[in-house]
Amino acid sequence: MVITERARPNGFTLIEILIAVAIVGLMLAVVGPALYRRLAGASVSAAENQLRQLKTSIGTYYIDLNRYPEKLSDLVRKPKDPKLAKKWRHSYLESDEVPEDPWGNPYQYKKTPGGKHQYELYSWGKEGRDTPKEEWISVWN
């Protein structure tokens, strides 16, 4: 009498699939929060870099026109005043539009003559206007 081995079907059992799903779930639970913090930090870094670029553009605008822009859009549009238009050389930003912060909000700019700095330039951050002031991302931080 010949004893034959029972052929095992190809594929995974339900238990093997559940174990694999559990392992992936545990990995995501451990890695997920760290990855989220890293991504949030990348948005802050991007905002800081854009603020530095805007600060440089504002400084160049000041050197050329001997005054600070009234608003950020002045960096990309030739002034209507003929005296200023003669001094204006080009768009002071790489694109013809003022960028938004990484969260889709406009950067905030206002002149502050007599203050610690001649202007304020900042992003409200992730929550937009609702972000507490101490969490704003400023060019002067």
Protein backbone atom coordinates (compact mmCIF):
# COMPACT_ATOMS: atom_id res chain seq x y z
CA MET A 1 0.00 0.00 0.00
CA VAL A 2 1.35 3.39 -1.06
CA ILE A 3 0.87 6.29 1.30
CA THR A 4 0.64 9.58 -0.52
CA GLU A 5 1.22 12.93 0.97
CA ARG A 6 -1.70 15.22 0.89
CA ALA A 7 -0.96 18.06 -1.50
CA ARG A 8 -1.01 21.45 0.15
CA PRO A 9 -2.86 24.08 -1.87
CA ASN A 10 -0.91 27.09 -3.07
CA GLY A 11 -1.63 30.45 -1.43
CA PHE A 12 -1.89 31.88 2.06
CA THR A 13 -4.19 30.86 4.84
CA LEU A 14 -6.47 33.32 6.55
CA ILE A 15 -4.29 33.22 9.67
CA GLU A 16 -1.15 34.11 7.67
CA ILE A 17 -2.93 37.05 6.03
CA LEU A 18 -4.22 38.31 9.41
CA ILE A 19 -0.73 38.12 10.90
CA ALA A 20 0.72 40.08 7.96
CA VAL A 21 -2.01 42.74 8.29
CA ALA A 22 -1.36 42.99 12.05
CA ILE A 23 2.36 43.48 11.49
CA VAL A 24 1.75 46.21 8.89
CA GLY A 25 -0.73 47.87 11.27
CA LEU A 26 1.80 47.88 14.11
CA MET A 27 4.47 49.33 11.84
CA LEU A 28 2.13 52.13 10.75
CA ALA A 29 1.17 52.82 14.36
CA VAL A 30 4.83 53.26 15.27
CA VAL A 31 6.08 55.02 12.13
CA GLY A 32 2.94 57.02 11.23
CA PRO A 33 3.13 59.73 13.94
CA ALA A 34 6.84 60.30 13.33
CA LEU A 35 6.22 60.58 9.59
CA TYR A 36 3.37 63.04 10.20
CA ARG A 37 5.59 65.20 12.44
CA ARG A 38 8.30 65.13 9.75
CA LEU A 39 5.82 66.26 7.08
CA ALA A 40 4.50 69.04 9.34
CA GLY A 41 8.07 70.18 9.93
CA ALA A 42 8.70 70.21 6.19
CA SER A 43 5.82 72.68 5.70
CA VAL A 44 7.27 74.98 8.34
CA SER A 45 10.72 74.77 6.68
CA ALA A 46 9.18 75.56 3.29
CA ALA A 47 7.42 78.61 4.76
CA GLU A 48 10.66 79.81 6.38
CA ASN A 49 12.53 79.43 3.07
CA GLN A 50 9.87 81.35 1.15
CA LEU A 51 9.90 84.09 3.79
CA ARG A 52 13.67 84.43 3.42
CA GLN A 53 13.28 84.70 -0.37
CA LEU A 54 10.57 87.34 0.04
CA LYS A 55 12.79 89.24 2.50
CA THR A 56 15.62 89.23 -0.05
CA SER A 57 13.25 90.44 -2.78
CA ILE A 58 11.97 93.23 -0.53
CA GLY A 59 15.56 94.27 0.18
CA THR A 60 16.39 94.38 -3.53
CA TYR A 61 13.22 96.38 -4.21
CA TYR A 62 14.29 98.83 -1.51
CA ILE A 63 17.78 99.21 -3.01
CA ASP A 64 16.36 99.89 -6.48
CA LEU A 65 13.44 102.16 -5.55
CA ASN A 66 14.68 103.59 -2.25
CA ARG A 67 11.42 102.60 -0.54
CA TYR A 68 9.69 99.50 0.72
CA PRO A 69 6.76 98.06 -1.24
CA GLU A 70 3.29 98.96 -0.02
CA LYS A 71 2.16 95.35 -0.54
CA LEU A 72 3.80 92.14 -1.69
CA SER A 73 2.21 92.36 -5.13
CA ASP A 74 4.38 95.47 -5.72
CA LEU A 75 7.29 93.04 -6.09
CA VAL A 76 5.85 91.70 -9.34
CA ARG A 77 4.08 94.73 -10.85
CA LYS A 78 5.74 97.79 -12.29
CA PRO A 79 4.72 100.92 -10.36
CA LYS A 80 2.30 103.35 -11.99
CA ASP A 81 4.22 106.35 -10.66
CA PRO A 82 6.55 107.34 -13.57
CA LYS A 83 9.48 108.20 -11.25
CA LEU A 84 9.31 104.81 -9.58
CA ALA A 85 8.64 103.01 -12.87
CA LYS A 86 12.01 104.29 -14.20
CA LYS A 87 13.83 102.73 -11.24
CA TRP A 88 11.88 99.46 -11.31
CA ARG A 89 14.01 96.96 -13.21
CA HIS A 90 12.07 93.70 -13.25
CA SER A 91 9.88 91.42 -11.20
CA TYR A 92 11.60 90.88 -7.90
CA LEU A 93 10.28 87.33 -7.61
CA GLU A 94 11.04 84.32 -9.81
CA SER A 95 7.41 83.97 -10.81
CA ASP A 96 4.98 86.71 -11.71
CA GLU A 97 2.83 85.93 -8.69
CA VAL A 98 3.42 86.23 -4.97
CA PRO A 99 3.50 82.68 -3.57
CA GLU A 100 1.12 81.45 -0.91
CA ASP A 101 2.35 79.70 2.19
CA PRO A 102 2.40 75.87 2.25
CA TRP A 103 -1.12 75.84 3.73
CA GLY A 104 -2.60 77.93 0.91
CA ASN A 105 -2.80 81.23 2.81
CA PRO A 106 -1.30 84.52 1.65
CA TYR A 107 1.85 85.71 3.37
CA GLN A 108 1.20 88.69 5.61
CA TYR A 109 3.15 91.89 4.99
CA LYS A 110 2.79 95.34 6.48
CA LYS A 111 5.11 98.29 6.76
CA THR A 112 5.99 99.29 10.32
CA PRO A 113 8.06 102.49 10.13
CA GLY A 114 9.55 103.38 13.47
CA GLY A 115 9.23 99.81 14.70
CA LYS A 116 12.00 97.36 15.43
CA HIS A 117 11.95 96.50 11.72
CA GLN A 118 10.68 98.50 8.75
CA TYR A 119 8.10 95.84 7.97
CA GLU A 120 6.52 92.66 9.26
CA LEU A 121 6.49 89.57 7.08
CA TYR A 122 5.01 86.32 8.34
CA SER A 123 2.78 83.31 7.75
CA TRP A 124 -0.11 82.53 10.05
CA GLY A 125 0.81 78.86 9.87
CA LYS A 126 -1.29 75.74 9.51
CA GLU A 127 -4.47 77.04 11.13
CA GLY A 128 -4.51 80.27 9.14
CA ARG A 129 -5.86 83.31 10.94
CA ASP A 130 -6.84 81.17 13.92
CA THR A 131 -3.23 80.25 14.69
CA PRO A 132 -2.10 81.83 17.97
CA LYS A 133 0.27 84.75 17.31
CA GLU A 134 3.18 83.07 19.09
CA GLU A 135 2.99 80.23 16.51
CA TRP A 136 3.15 82.51 13.47
CA ILE A 137 6.20 81.95 11.29
CA SER A 138 7.99 85.27 10.95
CA VAL A 139 10.86 86.35 8.77
CA TRP A 140 12.43 87.86 11.90
CA ASN A 141 12.44 84.62 14.00
